[in-house]
Protein backbone atom coordinates (compact mmCIF):
# COMPACT_ATOMS: atom_id res chain seq x y z
CA UNK A 1 12.01 68.85 -38.94
CA UNK A 2 11.07 66.13 -41.09
CA UNK A 3 7.23 67.06 -40.71
CA UNK A 4 7.77 70.53 -41.10
CA UNK A 5 9.52 69.87 -44.38
CA UNK A 6 6.28 67.72 -46.00
CA UNK A 7 4.41 70.52 -44.53
CA UNK A 8 6.20 73.21 -46.78
CA UNK A 9 6.35 71.06 -49.67
CA UNK A 10 2.49 70.51 -49.67
CA UNK A 11 2.16 74.53 -49.37
CA UNK A 12 4.52 74.75 -52.07
CA UNK A 13 2.93 72.53 -54.82
CA UNK A 14 -0.50 73.94 -53.29
CA UNK A 15 0.78 77.62 -54.08
CA UNK A 16 1.97 76.30 -57.07
CA UNK A 17 -1.10 74.82 -58.14
CA UNK A 18 -3.24 78.15 -57.27
CA UNK A 19 -0.75 80.40 -59.19
CA UNK A 20 -1.35 77.76 -62.68
CA UNK A 21 -5.40 77.51 -62.21
CA UNK A 22 -5.23 81.37 -61.84
CA UNK A 23 -3.02 82.11 -64.94
CA UNK A 24 -4.56 79.91 -66.85
CA UNK A 25 -8.50 81.08 -65.46
CA UNK A 26 -7.27 84.80 -66.70
CA UNK A 27 -5.70 83.71 -69.83
CA UNK A 28 -9.33 82.14 -70.63
CA UNK A 29 -10.98 85.29 -69.56
CA UNK A 30 -8.98 87.31 -71.28
CA UNK A 31 -9.51 85.24 -74.39
CA UNK A 32 -12.95 85.25 -74.14
CA UNK A 33 -13.33 89.34 -74.21
CA UNK A 34 -11.21 89.05 -77.42
CA UNK A 35 -13.16 88.72 -80.83
CA UNK A 36 -11.82 88.79 -84.60
CA UNK A 37 -12.99 91.54 -86.49
CA UNK A 38 -14.95 90.86 -89.32
CA UNK A 39 -15.15 91.97 -92.98
CA UNK A 40 -18.09 94.14 -93.43
CA UNK A 41 -16.67 96.09 -96.63
CA UNK A 42 -19.40 95.85 -98.97
CA UNK A 43 -21.98 95.18 -96.98
CA UNK A 44 -25.28 97.53 -96.33
CA UNK A 45 -24.83 99.74 -93.14
CA UNK A 46 -28.11 97.98 -90.63
CA UNK A 47 -26.66 94.39 -91.95
CA UNK A 48 -22.75 95.47 -91.05
CA UNK A 49 -24.22 97.05 -87.83
CA UNK A 50 -26.03 93.48 -86.35
CA UNK A 51 -22.80 91.67 -87.54
CA UNK A 52 -20.63 93.19 -85.46
CA UNK A 53 -22.78 94.34 -82.58
CA UNK A 54 -23.82 90.29 -82.22
CA UNK A 55 -20.03 89.90 -81.67
CA UNK A 56 -19.77 92.44 -78.47
CA UNK A 57 -18.28 95.06 -80.67
CA UNK A 58 -19.63 98.73 -80.65
CA UNK A 59 -20.39 100.61 -84.26
CA UNK A 60 -19.13 104.13 -84.76
CA UNK A 61 -20.57 105.52 -88.04
CA UNK A 62 -18.25 107.67 -89.81
CA UNK A 63 -20.61 111.11 -90.36
CA UNK A 64 -18.52 111.36 -93.56
CA UNK A 65 -19.94 109.98 -96.76
CA UNK A 66 -17.91 110.09 -99.95
CA UNK A 67 -19.04 109.17 -103.33
CA UNK A 68 -18.05 106.10 -104.92
CA UNK A 69 -18.52 104.39 -108.20
CA UNK A 70 -17.53 100.56 -107.13
CA UNK A 71 -19.62 100.57 -103.62
CA UNK A 72 -23.34 101.23 -103.93
CA UNK A 73 -25.11 103.81 -102.22
CA UNK A 74 -25.36 103.15 -97.79
CA UNK A 75 -23.05 100.58 -98.30
CA UNK A 76 -19.48 100.24 -96.19
CA UNK A 77 -16.63 101.06 -98.28
CA UNK A 78 -14.22 101.15 -95.26
CA UNK A 79 -13.62 99.97 -91.84
CA UNK A 80 -10.88 100.40 -88.77
CA UNK A 81 -9.65 98.13 -87.72
CA UNK A 82 -9.83 96.10 -90.84
CA UNK A 83 -10.99 92.61 -91.16
CA UNK A 84 -9.14 89.74 -89.33
CA UNK A 85 -7.46 91.70 -85.95
CA UNK A 86 -8.22 90.61 -83.01
CA UNK A 87 -9.75 93.08 -80.39
CA UNK A 88 -11.59 93.06 -76.54
CA UNK A 89 -15.25 92.91 -76.76
CA UNK A 90 -17.17 96.31 -76.25
CA UNK A 91 -14.12 98.24 -78.59
CA UNK A 92 -15.30 100.19 -81.33
CA UNK A 93 -15.33 99.80 -84.85
CA UNK A 94 -15.18 102.84 -87.07
CA UNK A 95 -17.12 102.27 -90.42
CA UNK A 96 -17.05 104.61 -93.53
CA UNK A 97 -19.93 104.86 -95.95
CA UNK A 98 -20.62 105.54 -99.43
CA UNK A 99 -22.65 107.62 -100.86
CA UNK A 100 -23.15 105.82 -104.13
CA UNK A 101 -22.12 107.02 -107.95
CA UNK A 102 -22.80 110.91 -107.55
CA UNK A 103 -22.80 111.73 -111.31
CA UNK A 104 -21.91 115.42 -112.62
CA UNK A 105 -24.92 118.17 -113.66
CA UNK A 106 -24.62 117.43 -117.91
CA UNK A 107 -23.35 120.38 -119.71
CA UNK A 108 -25.70 121.85 -122.22
CA UNK A 109 -24.14 121.32 -125.94
CA UNK A 110 -26.98 121.80 -128.06
CA UNK A 111 -25.07 124.21 -130.88
CA UNK A 112 -21.91 123.43 -129.96
CA UNK A 113 -19.97 121.87 -132.77
CA UNK A 114 -19.36 117.89 -132.09
CA UNK A 115 -15.87 118.39 -131.24
CA UNK A 116 -16.61 120.84 -128.42
CA UNK A 117 -19.41 118.57 -127.04
CA UNK A 118 -16.86 115.80 -126.48
CA UNK A 119 -14.42 118.23 -125.05
CA UNK A 120 -17.44 119.32 -122.77
CA UNK A 121 -18.77 115.90 -121.82
CA UNK A 122 -15.06 114.72 -120.88
CA UNK A 123 -14.07 118.00 -118.84
CA UNK A 124 -17.37 116.46 -116.42
CA UNK A 125 -16.38 113.20 -116.54
CA UNK A 126 -19.48 112.64 -118.41
CA UNK A 127 -19.46 109.56 -121.06
CA UNK A 128 -20.37 110.14 -124.41
CA UNK A 129 -23.02 107.23 -124.58
CA UNK A 130 -23.89 107.19 -128.52
CA UNK A 131 -23.99 109.80 -131.35
CA UNK A 132 -26.36 109.63 -134.14
CA UNK A 133 -26.64 111.80 -137.17
CA UNK A 134 -29.39 113.18 -139.50
CA UNK A 135 -29.02 115.31 -142.48
CA UNK A 136 -30.32 118.59 -142.71
CA UNK A 137 -29.67 122.07 -144.49
CA UNK A 138 -31.69 123.71 -141.65
CA UNK A 139 -28.64 123.63 -139.12
CA UNK A 140 -25.15 123.69 -139.47
CA UNK A 141 -23.16 120.28 -140.19
CA UNK A 142 -21.42 119.07 -137.59
CA UNK A 143 -23.37 120.74 -135.10
CA UNK A 144 -25.25 119.03 -132.00
CA UNK A 145 -28.99 119.61 -132.40
CA UNK A 146 -30.61 117.68 -129.37
CA UNK A 147 -29.07 116.09 -126.42
CA UNK A 148 -30.51 113.52 -123.97
CA UNK A 149 -30.84 113.97 -120.76
CA UNK A 150 -31.33 117.39 -121.12
CA UNK A 151 -28.66 120.24 -119.79
CA UNK A 152 -28.21 119.89 -115.86
CA UNK A 153 -29.61 117.00 -115.85
CA UNK A 154 -27.43 114.71 -113.19
CA UNK A 155 -26.43 110.98 -115.19
CA UNK A 156 -23.17 109.40 -115.88
CA UNK A 157 -23.78 109.71 -120.07
CA UNK A 158 -25.27 111.48 -122.52
CA UNK A 159 -26.37 110.60 -126.19
CA UNK A 160 -26.05 113.30 -128.76
CA UNK A 161 -27.81 113.88 -132.54
CA UNK A 162 -25.44 115.86 -134.64
CA UNK A 163 -26.79 117.13 -138.28
CA UNK A 164 -24.41 116.16 -141.19
CA UNK A 165 -25.36 118.31 -143.74
CA UNK A 166 -26.73 117.64 -146.77
CA UNK A 167 -24.30 115.97 -149.13
CA UNK A 168 -24.07 116.71 -152.52
CA UNK A 169 -27.10 119.30 -152.08
CA UNK A 170 -27.00 122.56 -154.89
CA UNK A 171 -28.81 125.18 -155.12
CA UNK A 172 -29.63 127.59 -158.56
CA UNK A 173 -28.44 130.95 -157.23
CA UNK A 174 -32.17 133.15 -157.81
CA UNK A 175 -32.65 136.46 -159.22
CA UNK A 176 -32.50 138.99 -156.27
CA UNK A 177 -32.13 142.23 -158.00
CA UNK A 178 -34.67 144.33 -157.17
CA UNK A 179 -35.52 142.84 -153.79
CA UNK A 180 -34.67 143.50 -150.01
CA UNK A 181 -31.37 143.14 -149.35
CA UNK A 182 -31.67 142.42 -145.64
CA UNK A 183 -34.54 140.17 -146.68
CA UNK A 184 -32.95 137.53 -148.61
CA UNK A 185 -29.41 137.65 -147.06
CA UNK A 186 -31.54 136.63 -143.95
CA UNK A 187 -33.30 133.57 -146.25
CA UNK A 188 -30.08 133.04 -147.82
CA UNK A 189 -28.11 132.26 -144.18
CA UNK A 190 -30.80 130.20 -143.01
CA UNK A 191 -29.64 127.73 -145.76
CA UNK A 192 -26.00 128.14 -144.53
CA UNK A 193 -24.95 130.29 -147.34
CA UNK A 194 -22.36 133.03 -146.26
CA UNK A 195 -24.07 136.18 -147.50
CA UNK A 196 -21.81 139.69 -147.50
CA UNK A 197 -23.23 142.60 -148.36
CA UNK A 198 -20.49 144.35 -149.64
CA UNK A 199 -21.28 148.41 -150.56
CA UNK A 200 -24.13 150.75 -151.56
CA UNK A 201 -25.23 152.28 -154.47
CA UNK A 202 -26.72 155.57 -154.96
CA UNK A 203 -29.83 154.87 -156.74
CA UNK A 204 -32.66 157.58 -156.84
CA UNK A 205 -34.83 155.39 -158.40
CA UNK A 206 -34.77 152.82 -155.82
CA UNK A 207 -36.07 152.14 -152.77
CA UNK A 208 -33.22 152.16 -149.69
CA UNK A 209 -31.51 148.66 -149.00
CA UNK A 210 -32.66 147.55 -152.74
CA UNK A 211 -30.32 144.83 -154.09
CA UNK A 212 -28.79 146.22 -157.34
CA UNK A 213 -26.03 144.03 -157.58
CA UNK A 214 -25.59 139.94 -156.95
CA UNK A 215 -22.36 137.48 -157.00
CA UNK A 216 -22.45 134.85 -158.33
CA UNK A 217 -25.25 135.71 -160.85
CA UNK A 218 -28.48 134.44 -161.18
CA UNK A 219 -28.72 130.53 -162.65
CA UNK A 220 -24.76 129.47 -160.97
CA UNK A 221 -25.28 126.19 -158.68
CA UNK A 222 -24.44 126.94 -155.12
CA UNK A 223 -23.74 124.73 -151.76
CA UNK A 224 -24.75 125.29 -148.54
CA UNK A 225 -21.16 127.32 -147.44
CA UNK A 226 -20.93 128.96 -150.90
CA UNK A 227 -20.29 132.78 -150.34
CA UNK A 228 -22.78 135.15 -151.96
CA UNK A 229 -22.07 139.12 -151.85
CA UNK A 230 -25.06 141.60 -152.68
CA UNK A 231 -24.67 145.01 -153.01
CA UNK A 232 -27.75 147.39 -152.13
CA UNK A 233 -29.20 150.62 -153.30
CA UNK A 234 -28.45 153.51 -150.60
């Protein structure tokens, strides 16, 4: 009886020891198969893939790329699981790639007023980087006469050249009587005068379309934008 009891205790001790060693070995084996996911956000795809694969993780590249102004193209903007997560080796880590900044196409703003150009650029989320001024009587005041880059280019910002007109510029009203109404109206409108042909007067001695009356009269001081009215022969 005494010998049998000793053998029973010995066997029970061996079994307990084996169980402890078995559990410990299983834990060590499981622990060896686990890894902490590193943070690969902001890194290039190749470098991030090498880092993950070196830890025994499988890289899954999300086919959908998205524009991102803060993350360069071909760099990681998101990952799943997130950094710090403990997972087993060979488990997949999905990485999402940035397509970089995709600027909108620049709209055509030449010929638009400065305010209209600003609105068009803001609608397309394009920054007005610079506005330069020049003075000319060949264009309407406040109108955009040039842009850089040109329309349909892709860029985050645009510089504009705006005509401010010729401040204080005046002209002496010429004598238009006897000239072609259509011709002088065209010339004056190019100089930004508001020309209106208000009526036709029968005059058999003059060719049709000849100026017979004008307002203001010859010799008056005029500035661009002032009104001029003409009457022509019929």
